[in-house]
Amino acid sequence: GLYNGSLNIIGAGTATEFEEIFNSIEYDTTKLFVKQHKRAYSGSDHAAFISKEIPAVFFYASSGKNYHTPLDKPEFIDAKSTATVLQYIADALIELSNYPKTLTFVDVEKENKETEHTKNTVKLGVTPAFEDTNNKGMKISAISEGGAAQNAGMQAGDIISAINDKPVYNIYDYME
């Protein structure tokens, strides 16, 4: 229900046909920016499908600092913008359900071995914003209570541009 102007399609590389399908959907580009992310991060609901070699995506608009907390209230929902996002998703579902062929699974993680990240054993305690930062880093939408990021003084809206002097241009560099 929160909205930052963009809709991210995570896992768009898990089927050869996804890019064509999502690019075929007509929408008002002045109200919505759609960005397709090829990789599908393992920590979300779609992971069970991908582990069975079934193409899967999830749509993400924004979360905000109260995401998954008792402070996440209905009054924070931007209904008009949410309707724009949901219309795009509904159109995508219609296109997918009418697609005449079986989708071709792509193991994006295997194809990107050079950027594959290790299992997350250390947690910073941030929620990525999934916003386009023009390759100037990864923007943070929320900080976990009591986590390393909060203890270090990080705040929502901060942008991580490097870790141990290694540049971070986007969420993919951060995950690596």
Protein backbone atom coordinates (compact mmCIF):
# COMPACT_ATOMS: atom_id res chain seq x y z
CA GLY A 1 0.00 0.00 0.00
CA LEU A 2 2.98 2.33 0.22
CA TYR A 3 4.31 3.73 -3.00
CA ASN A 4 7.53 5.40 -4.11
CA GLY A 5 6.77 5.78 -7.83
CA SER A 6 8.16 2.49 -9.04
CA LEU A 7 7.12 -1.11 -9.34
CA ASN A 8 9.87 -3.70 -9.19
CA ILE A 9 9.44 -7.12 -10.75
CA ILE A 10 11.86 -9.39 -8.89
CA GLY A 11 12.81 -12.64 -10.64
CA ALA A 12 12.00 -11.39 -14.15
CA GLY A 13 14.91 -13.42 -15.50
CA THR A 14 13.57 -16.78 -14.29
CA ALA A 15 11.64 -17.30 -17.55
CA THR A 16 12.90 -16.50 -21.03
CA GLU A 17 9.50 -15.04 -21.91
CA PHE A 18 8.97 -12.74 -18.90
CA GLU A 19 10.71 -9.69 -20.39
CA GLU A 20 8.59 -9.84 -23.56
CA ILE A 21 5.39 -10.33 -21.57
CA PHE A 22 6.03 -7.54 -19.07
CA ASN A 23 7.18 -5.14 -21.80
CA SER A 24 3.96 -5.75 -23.75
CA ILE A 25 1.75 -4.32 -21.00
CA GLU A 26 0.51 -0.81 -21.68
CA TYR A 27 0.44 1.60 -18.74
CA ASP A 28 0.81 5.28 -17.95
CA THR A 29 4.56 5.85 -17.60
CA THR A 30 3.91 9.20 -15.94
CA LYS A 31 2.26 7.38 -13.00
CA LEU A 32 4.38 4.25 -12.81
CA PHE A 33 7.99 3.27 -13.42
CA VAL A 34 8.39 -0.49 -13.93
CA LYS A 35 11.81 -2.05 -13.41
CA GLN A 36 12.53 -5.70 -14.09
CA HIS A 37 15.17 -7.40 -11.94
CA LYS A 38 16.44 -10.67 -13.41
CA ARG A 39 17.58 -12.24 -10.15
CA ALA A 40 15.20 -13.68 -7.62
CA TYR A 41 16.46 -13.46 -4.06
CA SER A 42 16.19 -16.66 -2.11
CA GLY A 43 14.59 -15.24 1.01
CA SER A 44 11.12 -14.57 -0.36
CA ASP A 45 7.92 -16.53 -1.03
CA HIS A 46 8.77 -17.32 -4.64
CA ALA A 47 11.88 -19.32 -3.66
CA ALA A 48 9.92 -22.58 -3.32
CA PHE A 49 8.84 -22.36 -6.96
CA ILE A 50 12.30 -21.51 -8.24
CA SER A 51 13.82 -24.42 -6.30
CA LYS A 52 11.48 -26.69 -8.33
CA GLU A 53 12.54 -24.95 -11.58
CA ILE A 54 9.23 -23.14 -11.96
CA PRO A 55 9.57 -19.52 -13.16
CA ALA A 56 8.39 -17.10 -10.49
CA VAL A 57 8.31 -13.37 -9.88
CA PHE A 58 7.11 -11.09 -7.19
CA PHE A 59 5.99 -7.51 -7.52
CA TYR A 60 7.27 -4.97 -5.04
CA ALA A 61 6.34 -1.29 -4.85
CA SER A 62 7.61 -0.15 -1.44
CA SER A 63 7.66 -1.12 2.19
CA GLY A 64 8.62 1.77 4.45
CA LYS A 65 9.93 1.91 8.00
CA ASN A 66 6.89 0.26 9.61
CA TYR A 67 6.84 -2.75 7.27
CA HIS A 68 6.17 -5.99 9.20
CA THR A 69 5.74 -4.16 12.50
CA PRO A 70 2.68 -3.45 14.67
CA LEU A 71 2.99 0.19 13.56
CA ASP A 72 2.07 -0.70 9.95
CA LYS A 73 -1.40 0.86 9.79
CA PRO A 74 -4.09 1.00 7.06
CA GLU A 75 -4.04 4.80 7.07
CA PHE A 76 -0.54 4.70 5.52
CA ILE A 77 -1.93 3.11 2.35
CA ASP A 78 -1.87 5.30 -0.76
CA ALA A 79 -5.05 3.88 -2.34
CA LYS A 80 -4.86 5.78 -5.64
CA SER A 81 -1.26 4.79 -6.36
CA THR A 82 -1.92 1.25 -5.15
CA ALA A 83 -4.72 1.00 -7.71
CA THR A 84 -2.25 1.97 -10.46
CA VAL A 85 0.18 -0.72 -9.31
CA LEU A 86 -2.56 -3.33 -8.98
CA GLN A 87 -3.88 -2.55 -12.47
CA TYR A 88 -0.43 -3.26 -13.93
CA ILE A 89 -0.21 -6.51 -11.94
CA ALA A 90 -3.72 -7.55 -13.04
CA ASP A 91 -2.79 -6.88 -16.68
CA ALA A 92 0.41 -8.92 -16.18
CA LEU A 93 -1.57 -11.82 -14.74
CA ILE A 94 -3.97 -11.73 -17.68
CA GLU A 95 -1.05 -11.74 -20.15
CA LEU A 96 0.59 -14.63 -18.29
CA SER A 97 -2.60 -16.67 -18.08
CA ASN A 98 -3.24 -16.19 -21.81
CA TYR A 99 0.34 -16.92 -22.87
CA PRO A 100 0.08 -19.75 -25.42
CA LYS A 101 3.28 -21.62 -24.49
CA THR A 102 4.83 -23.09 -21.37
CA LEU A 103 7.29 -20.66 -19.83
CA THR A 104 10.96 -21.62 -20.18
CA PHE A 105 12.71 -21.74 -16.80
CA VAL A 106 16.09 -20.02 -16.52
CA ASP A 107 18.35 -20.69 -13.55
CA VAL A 108 19.42 -17.08 -13.13
CA GLU A 109 21.57 -17.86 -10.10
CA LYS A 110 23.50 -20.53 -11.97
CA GLU A 111 23.93 -18.26 -15.00
CA ASN A 112 25.30 -15.52 -12.74
CA LYS A 113 27.79 -17.62 -10.77
CA GLU A 114 30.31 -14.78 -10.90
CA THR A 115 27.91 -12.60 -8.90
CA GLU A 116 26.40 -15.33 -6.74
CA HIS A 117 26.41 -14.36 -3.07
CA THR A 118 27.12 -16.72 -0.23
CA LYS A 119 24.46 -17.73 2.27
CA ASN A 120 23.52 -14.79 4.44
CA THR A 121 25.12 -15.64 7.75
CA VAL A 122 25.68 -12.02 8.75
CA LYS A 123 22.74 -9.63 8.82
CA LEU A 124 23.08 -5.88 8.52
CA GLY A 125 19.43 -5.31 9.45
CA VAL A 126 18.24 -3.26 6.49
CA THR A 127 15.32 -3.51 4.09
CA PRO A 128 16.30 -2.46 0.55
CA ALA A 129 14.14 0.18 -1.12
CA PHE A 130 14.46 -1.49 -4.56
CA GLU A 131 14.51 2.00 -6.03
CA ASP A 132 16.62 2.96 -9.00
CA THR A 133 19.48 5.05 -7.62
CA ASN A 134 21.11 5.50 -11.04
CA ASN A 135 23.81 3.06 -9.95
CA LYS A 136 24.86 5.27 -7.04
CA GLY A 137 24.22 2.62 -4.38
CA MET A 138 21.44 0.72 -2.66
CA LYS A 139 18.83 2.85 -0.90
CA ILE A 140 17.50 1.63 2.44
CA SER A 141 13.75 1.77 3.09
CA ALA A 142 13.81 0.50 6.67
CA ILE A 143 16.17 -0.45 9.50
CA SER A 144 15.59 -3.46 11.76
CA GLU A 145 15.16 -2.68 15.45
CA GLY A 146 18.30 -3.64 17.39
CA GLY A 147 20.23 -4.71 14.29
CA ALA A 148 23.76 -3.82 13.28
CA ALA A 149 22.59 -1.02 10.96
CA GLN A 150 20.59 0.68 13.71
CA ASN A 151 23.48 0.28 16.16
CA ALA A 152 25.77 1.94 13.60
CA GLY A 153 23.36 4.89 13.26
CA MET A 154 22.04 4.08 9.80
CA GLN A 155 18.57 5.38 8.89
CA ALA A 156 15.87 4.78 6.30
CA GLY A 157 16.75 6.79 3.20
CA ASP A 158 20.48 6.21 3.56
CA ILE A 159 22.27 4.86 0.50
CA ILE A 160 24.97 2.21 0.80
CA SER A 161 27.59 3.07 -1.82
CA ALA A 162 30.48 0.87 -0.66
CA ILE A 163 31.29 -1.98 1.71
CA ASN A 164 34.93 -2.47 2.74
CA ASP A 165 35.98 -0.11 -0.08
CA LYS A 166 34.17 -2.28 -2.65
CA PRO A 167 31.70 -0.15 -4.65
CA VAL A 168 27.98 -0.90 -4.30
CA TYR A 169 26.15 0.45 -7.34
CA ASN A 170 22.82 -1.31 -6.77
CA ILE A 171 21.09 -4.08 -4.82
CA TYR A 172 22.87 -6.77 -6.86
CA ASP A 173 26.28 -5.50 -5.77
CA TYR A 174 25.04 -5.30 -2.20
CA MET A 175 23.76 -8.91 -2.24
CA GLU A 176 27.05 -10.12 -3.72
